[in-house]
Amino acid sequence: MDHPTPKVLLARPRCPSLRMWALEASSGRFSVPPSISISHLTLPLRVLAACPLTLLPSTPCSRNPAMVNEPRGDGGPTSRSEGSSSGSESSKDSSRCSTPGLDPERHDRLREKMRRRMESGDKWFSLEFFPPRTAQGAVNLISRFDRMGAGGPLFIDVTWHPAGDPGSDKETSSMVIASTAVNYCGLETILHMTCCCQSREQITGYLHKAKRLGLKNILALRGDPVGDQWEEEEGGFSYAADLVRHIRSEFGDYFDVCVAGVPCPGPSVPTPSAGRRTCVPSSGPPDQRVTSTAPRSGMSSPTAAAFGELKDYYLFYLTSKSPREELLKMWGEELTGEESVFEVFACYLSGEPNQNGYKVTCLPWNDEPLAAETSLMKEELLRVNRQGILTINSQPNINGKPSSDPIVGWGPSGGYVFQKAYLEFFTSRETVGALLQVLKKYELRVNYHIVDVKGENVTNAPELQPNAVTWGIFPGREIIQPTVVDPVSFMFWKDEAFALWIEQWGKLYEEESPSRMIIQYIHDNYFLVNLVDNEFPLDNCLWQVVEDTFELLNRPGPEQETETL
């Protein structure tokens, strides 16, 4: 089969304001052949089943009936019943409750909408978004809010973390993302707000700002401590309950206040297990408690990760958790060439100290320790990284392992989990040329997507359709498919992936320094690649694909047959 002609998706220019960015992005059109279907963007979101949050009762008082997302005269959302999706007919009692639009329920408070769903037994869901790290990421996120809203969430919620300057006017702040969702996208929105490491005055200022911006739903949280031990904030709040009391004292009934809870309230209750979020409704018997469970390593986002969940890429931190001095010790105070970068990746995978005696505990794309399943392919990953295949995402193939498996298991007990082998990496233009030649032999078995920082890309994904790479089968349930590789999403993710080379690594060095120029060269000339081996019952062929690629590269010049990009 002949190799397909590369399809180029041009980068969108930036506009002077978030509103214009969102409008431009949502109305923009890619210049692509008619056969290509532009599907919705899969973002770092978590689908929360039934009742993920608990609304606290408030004191009744008079209130303007205008709801959070009521259309305005400046081009706000058009009329659409809450049960509709993109204008399709549906009753307002539908479980697919599209938030944008104007209907009788639009004047109700969020807690009333939730209560009606619970009383009627009608299923509903919400979407949780992590603010992206870069301005371009914010544009990509906002441009997809309308498509997400068409899916019918009862509301969305936007996370908060003090390290990300969440209450600022930056385009990446939680406050701005939530305000844009409400005022320009018409989405019922809950803004997370933590009280740890913040003064009473700071929090009060954030609440006043939220009110000015038209935000009317707050998820009150204590937040995580800085370091291993919790320290009380002098003049601040020690617990979420203190924050709730403050909101009611200062703002009366203006905000609908949500909390995250556990079955037995109190600070002494152990934290629920990882991946689990438990809430106690503000009224009703104990059997109404709802638990939302996410897979241990399942990814509700475009790609899988043996380096951790893809949501790690979109954490609320705008910079690395580690200070500059520590990053330089890990990543190199002075780089001598591309091979210096290869060795940083290898040290991260191996856990061995680098040449200066420091362990590499993170990379720009991976702030957390390696996932347990990395051990299943550690030797292979080390080998290819030292040769210039710089992996930032990977997973082994799994064929029917028990859901209780300590390494790859997830989901309810008694089930079985499956995975297709997956690799995502940066590599040079020369390597990509050889890789494309090798991939001709695997055309039906391996799906690939290859793109550079300018948007030049090539893929063999059929009509750019998503490819399921993780799924599970459990007793008494439908097949659960938590992970897909989406070629369209990949085109948006590449902006952030390439930006992290400069924003987190390159800027550690002085401009025009040799180290800075090495990182800049990689940013400008390398490609971001993902490979999926669809034959999950067979041995993983991706390692052979890589070996064949390097074998081709090492042939004498006249014998090389590589593709030209």
Foldseek 3Di string as FASTA:
>chain_A
DDADDFDFWFDDDDDDDLLVLLVCLLPDDTPDDPLFDQDAFQAQKDKFKQDQWAWADADDDDDDLQALQDADPPDAFEADAQQAFPRDDDDNLAQQGQQAHDDPCRSPDLVVVSVVCVVVVHIAIEMEHEQFQDLLLLSSVSNRLQVVSSSRHSAYEYEADVQLVQLDPDSRHLLNSQLCCRHHVRGQYEYEDAFAPDAPVVVVVSVVSSVVSSRAEYEQFNDDDDPDDHDDDVNTDRGSVVVVVVCCVVPNNRHRYIYFADLDDDPVDDDDDPQKTWHDYNDDDSVPTDIGGDWPQFELHAAGAQLGHQCLNGHSNNAAPDDLVLVCLLLHVDDDAVLSNLVSLLQLLVQAADPSRHGNVADLSHRHHGAQQCVVCSVLQNVVSSVFFRWPGWGFWDDFDFLPPPRPHTDDGPKTKTFWTKTKGKGFQLLQQLLSVLCVVVLPFKWKWKAALRRGIGTSPRSQAWAQGIWMDHPPDDIGGSYINGNSNVSSVVNSVLVSLCPHPLVSDDPPHPRNVNSVCSSHGIMIMMMTGNPSVDHRCVSVSSVSSVVLVPDPDVSRDTHHD
